[in-house]
Amino acid sequence: MSRKLEACSINQKQIDFNRTLRFSVVGAGVMAPMFWKWYKILDGFLPGTTKTILLRKVGLDQLLFGPVCLAVFFLATGVLELKKPSQISKELKEKFLPTFAIRWLVWPPAQLVNFYFLPPQLRCLYVGMLVFGWTNFLSYIKHSSVVPNLTFPRLKMFDLASLDVKKTKADVVDQSDSEEISSEVSDNTIEQTKTVGAIVQFTSTSSTEGS
């Protein structure tokens, strides 16, 4: 499915049968036995469907089995692709953490349904149906040059510093402008006061001479 989607996006109609065979081998020969053994151990270690048991099962599945699953997937497919250890290691470094983060959006709700509603003998069948879609997503991630970017933007100190400098300069300009305005107002007030004083003095002098 993922191969068809990629083929449509680049106007290709050929299917990579070697890639399909590799994923079939990894899914049926490696991942399926791992799932079966893991759920057998988990149900034996934590029987029941109480809230505490459910949270423990989902937590162990995500934190313990999830990373192992992804690592085995990248390692097994890399070996079948005849990649060098350095190439497999590079792929793990680039794609493991983003894929593991996306796994948290898919598998916890699915596993809550699995552990609460389904009997142990149906777990592998239920997970196998989900894994079909999940494997297509993994195939897309593995053979895509674009890695999901889940990093958060970092604040740069020099940006904040330049912002502070700009604010400081703006404050200085505003302060200087206000000082100039206040000085102009005070000068005008002094001149008006002198003018009024001169008028009053002239008036009083004129009245004295008239008398």
N, C-alpha and C. Protein backbone atom coordinates (compact mmCIF):
# COMPACT_ATOMS: atom_id res chain seq x y z
N MET A 1 0.83 -1.20 0.00
CA MET A 1 0.00 0.00 0.00
C MET A 1 0.87 1.25 0.00
N SER A 2 1.84 1.28 0.93
CA SER A 2 2.72 2.45 0.98
C SER A 2 3.52 2.58 -0.30
N ARG A 3 3.90 1.44 -0.89
CA ARG A 3 4.65 1.48 -2.14
C ARG A 3 3.79 2.06 -3.26
N LYS A 4 2.50 1.71 -3.28
CA LYS A 4 1.61 2.24 -4.29
C LYS A 4 1.42 3.74 -4.13
N LEU A 5 1.30 4.18 -2.87
CA LEU A 5 1.15 5.60 -2.63
C LEU A 5 2.37 6.37 -3.09
N GLU A 6 3.55 5.84 -2.79
CA GLU A 6 4.77 6.50 -3.23
C GLU A 6 4.89 6.47 -4.74
N ALA A 7 4.46 5.36 -5.37
CA ALA A 7 4.54 5.27 -6.82
C ALA A 7 3.62 6.29 -7.48
N CYS A 8 2.45 6.49 -6.89
CA CYS A 8 1.53 7.49 -7.43
C CYS A 8 2.10 8.89 -7.29
N SER A 9 2.81 9.14 -6.18
CA SER A 9 3.35 10.47 -5.95
C SER A 9 4.49 10.82 -6.90
N ILE A 10 5.17 9.80 -7.44
CA ILE A 10 6.29 10.07 -8.35
C ILE A 10 5.99 9.53 -9.76
N ASN A 11 4.70 9.26 -10.00
CA ASN A 11 4.25 8.83 -11.32
C ASN A 11 4.93 7.53 -11.77
N GLN A 12 5.00 6.58 -10.84
CA GLN A 12 5.53 5.26 -11.17
C GLN A 12 4.45 4.23 -10.91
N LYS A 13 4.46 3.14 -11.67
CA LYS A 13 3.45 2.10 -11.52
C LYS A 13 4.06 0.76 -11.15
N GLN A 14 5.38 0.69 -11.06
CA GLN A 14 6.02 -0.56 -10.72
C GLN A 14 6.00 -0.79 -9.21
N ILE A 15 5.87 -2.03 -8.82
CA ILE A 15 5.88 -2.42 -7.41
C ILE A 15 7.22 -3.10 -7.13
N ASP A 16 7.83 -2.72 -6.02
CA ASP A 16 9.11 -3.29 -5.62
C ASP A 16 8.82 -4.62 -4.91
N PHE A 17 8.89 -5.71 -5.63
CA PHE A 17 8.57 -7.01 -5.07
C PHE A 17 9.63 -7.45 -4.05
N ASN A 18 10.88 -7.06 -4.25
CA ASN A 18 11.91 -7.41 -3.27
C ASN A 18 11.63 -6.74 -1.93
N ARG A 19 11.20 -5.49 -1.99
CA ARG A 19 10.86 -4.78 -0.77
C ARG A 19 9.65 -5.41 -0.09
N THR A 20 8.66 -5.79 -0.86
CA THR A 20 7.48 -6.47 -0.30
C THR A 20 7.87 -7.79 0.32
N LEU A 21 8.77 -8.52 -0.32
CA LEU A 21 9.23 -9.80 0.22
C LEU A 21 9.99 -9.61 1.52
N ARG A 22 10.83 -8.58 1.58
CA ARG A 22 11.58 -8.32 2.81
C ARG A 22 10.65 -8.03 3.97
N PHE A 23 9.66 -7.19 3.72
CA PHE A 23 8.72 -6.86 4.79
C PHE A 23 7.88 -8.06 5.21
N SER A 24 7.57 -8.92 4.26
CA SER A 24 6.81 -10.13 4.60
C SER A 24 7.63 -11.06 5.48
N VAL A 25 8.92 -11.18 5.14
CA VAL A 25 9.80 -12.04 5.94
C VAL A 25 9.96 -11.48 7.35
N VAL A 26 10.18 -10.17 7.44
CA VAL A 26 10.35 -9.55 8.76
C VAL A 26 9.05 -9.66 9.57
N GLY A 27 7.91 -9.41 8.91
CA GLY A 27 6.65 -9.44 9.63
C GLY A 27 6.27 -10.83 10.10
N ALA A 28 6.34 -11.81 9.20
CA ALA A 28 5.91 -13.16 9.54
C ALA A 28 6.97 -13.95 10.29
N GLY A 29 8.23 -13.74 9.93
CA GLY A 29 9.28 -14.56 10.51
C GLY A 29 9.92 -14.00 11.77
N VAL A 30 9.80 -12.68 11.97
CA VAL A 30 10.46 -12.06 13.13
C VAL A 30 9.45 -11.42 14.08
N MET A 31 8.62 -10.52 13.55
CA MET A 31 7.75 -9.73 14.41
C MET A 31 6.60 -10.57 14.99
N ALA A 32 5.99 -11.42 14.19
CA ALA A 32 4.85 -12.22 14.67
C ALA A 32 5.22 -13.11 15.85
N PRO A 33 6.33 -13.88 15.78
CA PRO A 33 6.72 -14.66 16.97
C PRO A 33 7.03 -13.78 18.18
N MET A 34 7.59 -12.59 17.94
CA MET A 34 7.87 -11.69 19.05
C MET A 34 6.58 -11.24 19.75
N PHE A 35 5.57 -10.87 18.95
CA PHE A 35 4.29 -10.46 19.52
C PHE A 35 3.66 -11.59 20.33
N TRP A 36 3.65 -12.77 19.75
CA TRP A 36 3.02 -13.91 20.42
C TRP A 36 3.70 -14.20 21.76
N LYS A 37 5.02 -14.22 21.77
CA LYS A 37 5.76 -14.50 23.00
C LYS A 37 5.59 -13.38 24.02
N TRP A 38 5.58 -12.14 23.55
CA TRP A 38 5.47 -10.99 24.45
C TRP A 38 4.12 -10.98 25.17
N TYR A 39 3.04 -11.19 24.43
CA TYR A 39 1.71 -11.16 25.06
C TYR A 39 1.51 -12.34 26.00
N LYS A 40 2.12 -13.46 25.71
CA LYS A 40 2.04 -14.61 26.61
C LYS A 40 2.73 -14.30 27.93
N ILE A 41 3.90 -13.67 27.84
CA ILE A 41 4.62 -13.29 29.06
C ILE A 41 3.85 -12.21 29.82
N LEU A 42 3.33 -11.22 29.11
CA LEU A 42 2.66 -10.10 29.75
C LEU A 42 1.38 -10.54 30.45
N ASP A 43 0.60 -11.39 29.80
CA ASP A 43 -0.64 -11.87 30.43
C ASP A 43 -0.36 -12.78 31.62
N GLY A 44 0.74 -13.52 31.57
CA GLY A 44 1.09 -14.36 32.70
C GLY A 44 1.63 -13.54 33.87
N PHE A 45 2.31 -12.45 33.57
CA PHE A 45 2.89 -11.62 34.62
C PHE A 45 1.86 -10.66 35.22
N LEU A 46 0.92 -10.18 34.40
CA LEU A 46 -0.10 -9.24 34.86
C LEU A 46 -1.48 -9.71 34.40
N PRO A 47 -2.05 -10.68 35.07
CA PRO A 47 -3.39 -11.13 34.69
C PRO A 47 -4.46 -10.16 35.21
N GLY A 48 -5.61 -10.13 34.52
CA GLY A 48 -6.70 -9.28 34.97
C GLY A 48 -6.90 -8.07 34.07
N THR A 49 -7.98 -7.33 34.36
CA THR A 49 -8.33 -6.16 33.54
C THR A 49 -8.66 -4.93 34.41
N THR A 50 -8.12 -4.87 35.62
CA THR A 50 -8.35 -3.68 36.44
C THR A 50 -7.61 -2.49 35.85
N LYS A 51 -7.95 -1.30 36.32
CA LYS A 51 -7.31 -0.09 35.79
C LYS A 51 -5.81 -0.11 36.01
N THR A 52 -5.40 -0.55 37.19
CA THR A 52 -3.97 -0.60 37.49
C THR A 52 -3.24 -1.58 36.57
N ILE A 53 -3.85 -2.75 36.37
CA ILE A 53 -3.25 -3.76 35.49
C ILE A 53 -3.17 -3.24 34.05
N LEU A 54 -4.25 -2.59 33.60
CA LEU A 54 -4.26 -2.06 32.24
C LEU A 54 -3.16 -1.02 32.03
N LEU A 55 -3.02 -0.10 32.97
CA LEU A 55 -1.99 0.93 32.85
C LEU A 55 -0.60 0.32 32.88
N ARG A 56 -0.41 -0.68 33.70
CA ARG A 56 0.90 -1.33 33.76
C ARG A 56 1.21 -2.06 32.46
N LYS A 57 0.22 -2.73 31.91
CA LYS A 57 0.43 -3.45 30.66
C LYS A 57 0.76 -2.49 29.51
N VAL A 58 -0.03 -1.43 29.41
CA VAL A 58 0.21 -0.45 28.34
C VAL A 58 1.56 0.22 28.53
N GLY A 59 1.90 0.54 29.79
CA GLY A 59 3.19 1.18 30.05
C GLY A 59 4.36 0.28 29.68
N LEU A 60 4.29 -1.01 30.07
CA LEU A 60 5.36 -1.94 29.72
C LEU A 60 5.43 -2.17 28.22
N ASP A 61 4.26 -2.23 27.58
CA ASP A 61 4.24 -2.44 26.14
C ASP A 61 4.90 -1.28 25.40
N GLN A 62 4.64 -0.06 25.86
CA GLN A 62 5.20 1.11 25.19
C GLN A 62 6.67 1.34 25.53
N LEU A 63 7.01 1.23 26.80
CA LEU A 63 8.35 1.59 27.24
C LEU A 63 9.37 0.46 27.08
N LEU A 64 8.90 -0.79 27.12
CA LEU A 64 9.83 -1.92 27.05
C LEU A 64 9.78 -2.61 25.68
N PHE A 65 8.58 -3.02 25.30
CA PHE A 65 8.46 -3.78 24.05
C PHE A 65 8.50 -2.87 22.81
N GLY A 66 7.97 -1.66 22.92
CA GLY A 66 7.94 -0.74 21.78
C GLY A 66 9.31 -0.42 21.22
N PRO A 67 10.26 0.03 22.04
CA PRO A 67 11.60 0.30 21.52
C PRO A 67 12.29 -0.93 20.93
N VAL A 68 12.08 -2.09 21.57
CA VAL A 68 12.68 -3.32 21.05
C VAL A 68 12.11 -3.65 19.68
N CYS A 69 10.79 -3.49 19.54
CA CYS A 69 10.13 -3.77 18.26
C CYS A 69 10.70 -2.90 17.14
N LEU A 70 10.78 -1.60 17.39
CA LEU A 70 11.29 -0.69 16.36
C LEU A 70 12.75 -0.99 16.02
N ALA A 71 13.54 -1.24 17.04
CA ALA A 71 14.96 -1.52 16.80
C ALA A 71 15.12 -2.79 15.97
N VAL A 72 14.35 -3.84 16.31
CA VAL A 72 14.42 -5.09 15.55
C VAL A 72 13.96 -4.87 14.12
N PHE A 73 12.93 -4.05 13.94
CA PHE A 73 12.43 -3.78 12.60
C PHE A 73 13.51 -3.14 11.73
N PHE A 74 14.13 -2.07 12.21
CA PHE A 74 15.15 -1.39 11.43
C PHE A 74 16.38 -2.28 11.21
N LEU A 75 16.75 -3.05 12.23
CA LEU A 75 17.90 -3.93 12.09
C LEU A 75 17.64 -5.04 11.08
N ALA A 76 16.46 -5.69 11.20
CA ALA A 76 16.15 -6.82 10.33
C ALA A 76 16.01 -6.39 8.88
N THR A 77 15.28 -5.31 8.65
CA THR A 77 15.11 -4.83 7.28
C THR A 77 16.45 -4.33 6.71
N GLY A 78 17.27 -3.72 7.55
CA GLY A 78 18.58 -3.28 7.09
C GLY A 78 19.47 -4.44 6.69
N VAL A 79 19.43 -5.52 7.48
CA VAL A 79 20.23 -6.70 7.15
C VAL A 79 19.75 -7.33 5.84
N LEU A 80 18.44 -7.43 5.65
CA LEU A 80 17.90 -8.01 4.41
C LEU A 80 18.19 -7.13 3.20
N GLU A 81 18.36 -5.83 3.43
CA GLU A 81 18.74 -4.93 2.34
C GLU A 81 20.24 -4.91 2.10
N LEU A 82 20.97 -5.75 2.86
CA LEU A 82 22.43 -5.86 2.71
C LEU A 82 23.13 -4.54 3.00
N LYS A 83 22.61 -3.81 3.95
CA LYS A 83 23.24 -2.55 4.33
C LYS A 83 24.40 -2.82 5.28
N LYS A 84 25.33 -1.89 5.30
CA LYS A 84 26.45 -1.98 6.22
C LYS A 84 26.00 -1.59 7.63
N PRO A 85 26.70 -2.06 8.65
CA PRO A 85 26.34 -1.69 10.03
C PRO A 85 26.32 -0.17 10.24
N SER A 86 27.23 0.54 9.60
CA SER A 86 27.24 1.99 9.75
C SER A 86 25.98 2.62 9.15
N GLN A 87 25.49 2.07 8.05
CA GLN A 87 24.28 2.58 7.43
C GLN A 87 23.06 2.30 8.30
N ILE A 88 23.00 1.11 8.87
CA ILE A 88 21.89 0.76 9.76
C ILE A 88 21.91 1.65 10.99
N SER A 89 23.10 1.88 11.54
CA SER A 89 23.23 2.74 12.70
C SER A 89 22.79 4.17 12.39
N LYS A 90 23.15 4.68 11.23
CA LYS A 90 22.76 6.03 10.83
C LYS A 90 21.25 6.14 10.68
N GLU A 91 20.64 5.11 10.10
CA GLU A 91 19.18 5.11 9.93
C GLU A 91 18.47 5.08 11.28
N LEU A 92 19.00 4.31 12.20
CA LEU A 92 18.42 4.26 13.55
C LEU A 92 18.50 5.62 14.23
N LYS A 93 19.63 6.28 14.11
CA LYS A 93 19.80 7.59 14.73
C LYS A 93 18.85 8.62 14.15
N GLU A 94 18.60 8.54 12.85
CA GLU A 94 17.77 9.54 12.18
C GLU A 94 16.27 9.29 12.36
N LYS A 95 15.86 8.01 12.38
CA LYS A 95 14.43 7.71 12.27
C LYS A 95 13.82 7.01 13.48
N PHE A 96 14.66 6.55 14.41
CA PHE A 96 14.10 5.81 15.54
C PHE A 96 13.24 6.69 16.44
N LEU A 97 13.79 7.80 16.92
CA LEU A 97 13.06 8.63 17.87
C LEU A 97 11.80 9.26 17.29
N PRO A 98 11.83 9.82 16.07
CA PRO A 98 10.57 10.33 15.51
C PRO A 98 9.50 9.25 15.35
N THR A 99 9.91 8.06 14.91
CA THR A 99 8.95 6.97 14.74
C THR A 99 8.42 6.50 16.09
N PHE A 100 9.30 6.44 17.08
CA PHE A 100 8.86 6.04 18.43
C PHE A 100 7.88 7.05 19.02
N ALA A 101 8.09 8.34 18.74
CA ALA A 101 7.16 9.36 19.24
C ALA A 101 5.79 9.21 18.59
N ILE A 102 5.76 8.93 17.29
CA ILE A 102 4.47 8.72 16.61
C ILE A 102 3.80 7.46 17.11
N ARG A 103 4.58 6.48 17.51
CA ARG A 103 4.02 5.23 18.05
C ARG A 103 3.14 5.48 19.27
N TRP A 104 3.50 6.51 20.05
CA TRP A 104 2.72 6.83 21.24
C TRP A 104 1.33 7.35 20.89
N LEU A 105 1.14 7.85 19.69
CA LEU A 105 -0.16 8.34 19.27
C LEU A 105 -1.07 7.22 18.79
N VAL A 106 -0.49 6.07 18.44
CA VAL A 106 -1.25 4.99 17.83
C VAL A 106 -1.52 3.84 18.80
N TRP A 107 -0.46 3.36 19.45
CA TRP A 107 -0.56 2.09 20.14
C TRP A 107 -1.16 2.12 21.54
N PRO A 108 -0.98 3.14 22.36
CA PRO A 108 -1.63 3.10 23.68
C PRO A 108 -3.15 2.94 23.62
N PRO A 109 -3.90 3.71 22.80
CA PRO A 109 -5.34 3.48 22.73
C PRO A 109 -5.68 2.10 22.18
N ALA A 110 -4.90 1.66 21.17
CA ALA A 110 -5.15 0.34 20.59
C ALA A 110 -4.91 -0.77 21.61
N GLN A 111 -3.88 -0.62 22.43
CA GLN A 111 -3.57 -1.65 23.40
C GLN A 111 -4.54 -1.64 24.60
N LEU A 112 -5.09 -0.48 24.90
CA LEU A 112 -6.14 -0.45 25.93
C LEU A 112 -7.33 -1.31 25.50
N VAL A 113 -7.73 -1.17 24.25
CA VAL A 113 -8.81 -2.01 23.72
C VAL A 113 -8.40 -3.48 23.75
N ASN A 114 -7.16 -3.74 23.37
CA ASN A 114 -6.66 -5.11 23.31
C ASN A 114 -6.68 -5.77 24.68
N PHE A 115 -6.12 -5.10 25.67
CA PHE A 115 -5.98 -5.71 27.00
C PHE A 115 -7.29 -5.74 27.79
N TYR A 116 -8.21 -4.87 27.47
CA TYR A 116 -9.45 -4.80 28.26
C TYR A 116 -10.56 -5.68 27.66
N PHE A 117 -10.73 -5.66 26.34
CA PHE A 117 -11.88 -6.31 25.74
C PHE A 117 -11.59 -7.71 25.18
N LEU A 118 -10.35 -7.96 24.81
CA LEU A 118 -10.06 -9.20 24.09
C LEU A 118 -9.44 -10.25 25.00
N PRO A 119 -9.78 -11.52 24.78
CA PRO A 119 -9.11 -12.60 25.51
C PRO A 119 -7.71 -12.81 24.97
N PRO A 120 -6.84 -13.43 25.75
CA PRO A 120 -5.45 -13.59 25.32
C PRO A 120 -5.28 -14.29 23.98
N GLN A 121 -6.16 -15.24 23.67
CA GLN A 121 -5.99 -16.00 22.43
C GLN A 121 -6.28 -15.18 21.17
N LEU A 122 -6.92 -14.01 21.33
CA LEU A 122 -7.23 -13.16 20.18
C LEU A 122 -6.31 -11.94 20.06
N ARG A 123 -5.37 -11.82 20.95
CA ARG A 123 -4.53 -10.62 20.95
C ARG A 123 -3.69 -10.53 19.67
N CYS A 124 -3.05 -11.62 19.29
CA CYS A 124 -2.18 -11.59 18.12
C CYS A 124 -2.97 -11.31 16.84
N LEU A 125 -4.20 -11.86 16.76
CA LEU A 125 -5.04 -11.60 15.59
C LEU A 125 -5.41 -10.12 15.49
N TYR A 126 -5.79 -9.54 16.63
CA TYR A 126 -6.16 -8.12 16.66
C TYR A 126 -4.96 -7.24 16.32
N VAL A 127 -3.83 -7.52 16.95
CA VAL A 127 -2.63 -6.72 16.71
C VAL A 127 -2.14 -6.91 15.28
N GLY A 128 -2.31 -8.12 14.74
CA GLY A 128 -1.89 -8.36 13.36
C GLY A 128 -2.63 -7.48 12.37
N MET A 129 -3.93 -7.26 12.61
CA MET A 129 -4.68 -6.37 11.72
C MET A 129 -4.20 -4.93 11.84
N LEU A 130 -3.86 -4.51 13.05
CA LEU A 130 -3.33 -3.15 13.22
C LEU A 130 -1.93 -3.01 12.64
N VAL A 131 -1.15 -4.07 12.79
CA VAL A 131 0.23 -4.02 12.31
C VAL A 131 0.27 -3.89 10.79
N PHE A 132 -0.76 -4.36 10.10
CA PHE A 132 -0.79 -4.22 8.64
C PHE A 132 -0.70 -2.75 8.24
N GLY A 133 -1.52 -1.91 8.88
CA GLY A 133 -1.45 -0.47 8.59
C GLY A 133 -0.19 0.17 9.14
N TRP A 134 0.23 -0.25 10.33
CA TRP A 134 1.43 0.31 10.94
C TRP A 134 2.68 -0.02 10.13
N THR A 135 2.72 -1.22 9.56
CA THR A 135 3.87 -1.62 8.76
C THR A 135 3.96 -0.79 7.48
N ASN A 136 2.81 -0.44 6.90
CA ASN A 136 2.83 0.42 5.73
C ASN A 136 3.41 1.79 6.08
N PHE A 137 3.05 2.28 7.27
CA PHE A 137 3.63 3.55 7.71
C PHE A 137 5.13 3.41 7.93
N LEU A 138 5.56 2.32 8.55
CA LEU A 138 7.00 2.10 8.77
C LEU A 138 7.74 1.99 7.44
N SER A 139 7.10 1.35 6.46
CA SER A 139 7.72 1.25 5.15
C SER A 139 7.91 2.62 4.53
N TYR A 140 6.91 3.47 4.69
CA TYR A 140 7.02 4.83 4.16
C TYR A 140 8.14 5.59 4.86
N ILE A 141 8.21 5.50 6.19
CA ILE A 141 9.24 6.20 6.95
C ILE A 141 10.63 5.68 6.59
N LYS A 142 10.75 4.38 6.48
CA LYS A 142 12.06 3.77 6.23
C LYS A 142 12.62 4.16 4.88
N HIS A 143 11.78 4.24 3.87
CA HIS A 143 12.24 4.51 2.51
C HIS A 143 11.99 5.95 2.07
N SER A 144 11.71 6.79 3.04
CA SER A 144 11.50 8.20 2.73
C SER A 144 12.71 9.00 3.19
N SER A 145 13.05 9.99 2.38
CA SER A 145 14.17 10.86 2.75
C SER A 145 13.74 11.95 3.72
N VAL A 146 12.43 12.11 3.90
CA VAL A 146 11.89 13.12 4.80
C VAL A 146 11.57 12.46 6.13
N VAL A 147 12.22 12.92 7.19
CA VAL A 147 12.00 12.39 8.53
C VAL A 147 11.04 13.31 9.26
N PRO A 148 10.02 12.75 9.96
CA PRO A 148 9.12 13.62 10.73
C PRO A 148 9.87 14.49 11.71
N ASN A 149 9.63 15.78 11.65
CA ASN A 149 10.32 16.74 12.52
C ASN A 149 9.47 17.01 13.74
N LEU A 150 9.91 16.48 14.88
CA LEU A 150 9.16 16.67 16.11
C LEU A 150 9.91 17.49 17.13
N THR A 151 10.94 18.19 16.68
CA THR A 151 11.72 19.02 17.58
C THR A 151 11.02 20.34 17.81
N PHE A 152 11.22 20.89 18.97
CA PHE A 152 10.64 22.17 19.32
C PHE A 152 11.64 23.28 19.01
N PRO A 153 11.14 24.41 18.53
CA PRO A 153 12.07 25.52 18.23
C PRO A 153 12.76 26.01 19.48
N ARG A 154 14.03 26.29 19.35
CA ARG A 154 14.82 26.77 20.47
C ARG A 154 14.94 28.29 20.42
N LEU A 155 14.81 28.91 21.57
CA LEU A 155 14.97 30.35 21.66
C LEU A 155 16.46 30.69 21.69
N LYS A 156 16.86 31.61 20.86
CA LYS A 156 18.26 32.00 20.80
C LYS A 156 18.49 33.21 21.68
N MET A 157 19.56 33.15 22.46
CA MET A 157 19.81 34.21 23.43
C MET A 157 20.11 35.53 22.75
N PHE A 158 20.82 35.47 21.60
CA PHE A 158 21.17 36.73 20.97
C PHE A 158 19.93 37.41 20.40
N ASP A 159 18.91 36.64 20.04
CA ASP A 159 17.66 37.24 19.58
C ASP A 159 16.99 38.00 20.71
N LEU A 160 16.98 37.37 21.89
CA LEU A 160 16.39 38.04 23.05
C LEU A 160 17.20 39.27 23.43
N ALA A 161 18.52 39.14 23.32
CA ALA A 161 19.38 40.28 23.66
C ALA A 161 19.14 41.43 22.70
N SER A 162 19.05 41.09 21.38
CA SER A 162 18.81 42.16 20.41
C SER A 162 17.45 42.79 20.64
N LEU A 163 16.50 41.96 21.07
CA LEU A 163 15.18 42.51 21.36
C LEU A 163 15.25 43.47 22.53
N ASP A 164 16.03 43.10 23.55
CA ASP A 164 16.18 43.99 24.70
C ASP A 164 16.88 45.27 24.29
N VAL A 165 17.89 45.14 23.41
CA VAL A 165 18.61 46.33 22.96
C VAL A 165 17.68 47.26 22.20
N LYS A 166 16.84 46.65 21.34
CA LYS A 166 15.89 47.46 20.59
C LYS A 166 14.93 48.18 21.52
N LYS A 167 14.46 47.42 22.54
CA LYS A 167 13.56 48.05 23.50
C LYS A 167 14.27 49.17 24.25
N THR A 168 15.53 48.94 24.60
CA THR A 168 16.28 49.96 25.34
C THR A 168 16.46 51.21 24.48
N LYS A 169 16.81 50.99 23.20
CA LYS A 169 16.97 52.13 22.31
C LYS A 169 15.65 52.88 22.14
N ALA A 170 14.57 52.12 22.02
CA ALA A 170 13.26 52.77 21.87
C ALA A 170 12.92 53.57 23.12
N ASP A 171 13.24 52.98 24.29
CA ASP A 171 12.96 53.70 25.53
C ASP A 171 13.79 54.98 25.60
N VAL A 172 15.07 54.90 25.15
CA VAL A 172 15.92 56.09 25.19
C VAL A 172 15.39 57.16 24.27
N VAL A 173 14.97 56.74 23.07
CA VAL A 173 14.41 57.71 22.12
C VAL A 173 13.16 58.35 22.67
N ASP A 174 12.28 57.52 23.24
CA ASP A 174 11.05 58.07 23.83
C ASP A 174 11.36 59.02 24.97
N GLN A 175 12.35 58.63 25.80
CA GLN A 175 12.71 59.48 26.93
C GLN A 175 13.30 60.80 26.46
N SER A 176 14.17 60.73 25.43
CA SER A 176 14.77 61.97 24.92
C SER A 176 13.71 62.86 24.29
N ASP A 177 12.78 62.24 23.57
CA ASP A 177 11.69 63.02 22.97
C ASP A 177 10.86 63.70 24.03
N SER A 178 10.55 62.96 25.10
CA SER A 178 9.73 63.54 26.17
C SER A 178 10.48 64.68 26.87
N GLU A 179 11.83 64.50 27.01
CA GLU A 179 12.61 65.57 27.64
C GLU A 179 12.61 66.81 26.77
N GLU A 180 12.76 66.62 25.44
CA GLU A 180 12.73 67.77 24.54
C GLU A 180 11.38 68.47 24.59
N ILE A 181 10.31 67.68 24.61
CA ILE A 181 8.97 68.28 24.66
C ILE A 181 8.76 69.06 25.95
N SER A 182 9.21 68.43 27.07
CA SER A 182 9.03 69.10 28.36
C SER A 182 9.86 70.38 28.43
N SER A 183 11.08 70.36 27.83
CA SER A 183 11.90 71.58 27.84
C SER A 183 11.28 72.67 27.00
N GLU A 184 10.69 72.28 25.85
CA GLU A 184 10.01 73.26 25.01
C GLU A 184 8.81 73.85 25.73
N VAL A 185 8.05 72.99 26.42
CA VAL A 185 6.89 73.48 27.17
C VAL A 185 7.32 74.44 28.27
N SER A 186 8.41 74.07 28.96
CA SER A 186 8.87 74.95 30.04
C SER A 186 9.37 76.27 29.49
N ASP A 187 10.07 76.27 28.36
CA ASP A 187 10.54 77.52 27.74
C ASP A 187 9.37 78.40 27.34
N ASN A 188 8.36 77.78 26.75
CA ASN A 188 7.17 78.54 26.36
C ASN A 188 6.46 79.13 27.58
N THR A 189 6.42 78.35 28.64
CA THR A 189 5.78 78.83 29.86
C THR A 189 6.52 80.03 30.43
N ILE A 190 7.85 79.95 30.42
CA ILE A 190 8.66 81.07 30.94
C ILE A 190 8.45 82.33 30.10
N GLU A 191 8.44 82.15 28.79
CA GLU A 191 8.23 83.32 27.91
C GLU A 191 6.85 83.93 28.13
N GLN A 192 5.83 83.07 28.26
CA GLN A 192 4.49 83.58 28.51
C GLN A 192 4.42 84.31 29.85
N THR A 193 5.11 83.76 30.83
CA THR A 193 5.12 84.41 32.16
C THR A 193 5.78 85.78 32.08
N LYS A 194 6.91 85.88 31.34
CA LYS A 194 7.58 87.17 31.19
C LYS A 194 6.68 88.16 30.47
N THR A 195 5.99 87.69 29.44
CA THR A 195 5.09 88.58 28.69
C THR A 195 3.96 89.11 29.56
N VAL A 196 3.36 88.22 30.33
CA VAL A 196 2.27 88.64 31.23
C VAL A 196 2.79 89.62 32.27
N GLY A 197 4.00 89.38 32.80
CA GLY A 197 4.58 90.29 33.79
C GLY A 197 4.83 91.66 33.20
N ALA A 198 5.32 91.68 31.96
CA ALA A 198 5.57 92.98 31.32
C ALA A 198 4.28 93.74 31.09
N ILE A 199 3.23 93.03 30.70
CA ILE A 199 1.93 93.69 30.47
C ILE A 199 1.38 94.26 31.77
N VAL A 200 1.49 93.47 32.83
CA VAL A 200 0.99 93.95 34.14
C VAL A 200 1.77 95.17 34.59
N GLN A 201 3.08 95.14 34.41
CA GLN A 201 3.92 96.28 34.85
C GLN A 201 3.58 97.51 34.02
N PHE A 202 3.40 97.35 32.71
CA PHE A 202 3.06 98.48 31.87
C PHE A 202 1.71 99.06 32.26
N THR A 203 0.76 98.17 32.57
CA THR A 203 -0.57 98.64 32.97
C THR A 203 -0.54 99.44 34.26
N SER A 204 0.22 98.93 35.22
CA SER A 204 0.30 99.61 36.52
C SER A 204 1.02 100.95 36.37
N THR A 205 2.03 101.01 35.51
CA THR A 205 2.75 102.27 35.29
C THR A 205 1.86 103.30 34.61
N SER A 206 1.06 102.86 33.67
CA SER A 206 0.15 103.76 32.96
C SER A 206 -0.92 104.31 33.88
N SER A 207 -1.42 103.47 34.76
CA SER A 207 -2.46 103.94 35.70
C SER A 207 -1.88 104.91 36.69
N THR A 208 -0.65 104.74 37.10
CA THR A 208 0.00 105.65 38.06
C THR A 208 0.23 107.02 37.42
N GLU A 209 0.71 107.03 36.17
CA GLU A 209 0.93 108.32 35.50
C GLU A 209 -0.38 109.07 35.25
N GLY A 210 -1.47 108.32 34.98
CA GLY A 210 -2.76 108.97 34.73
C GLY A 210 -3.31 109.61 35.97
N SER A 211 -3.07 108.99 37.10
CA SER A 211 -3.54 109.58 38.35
C SER A 211 -2.71 110.79 38.72
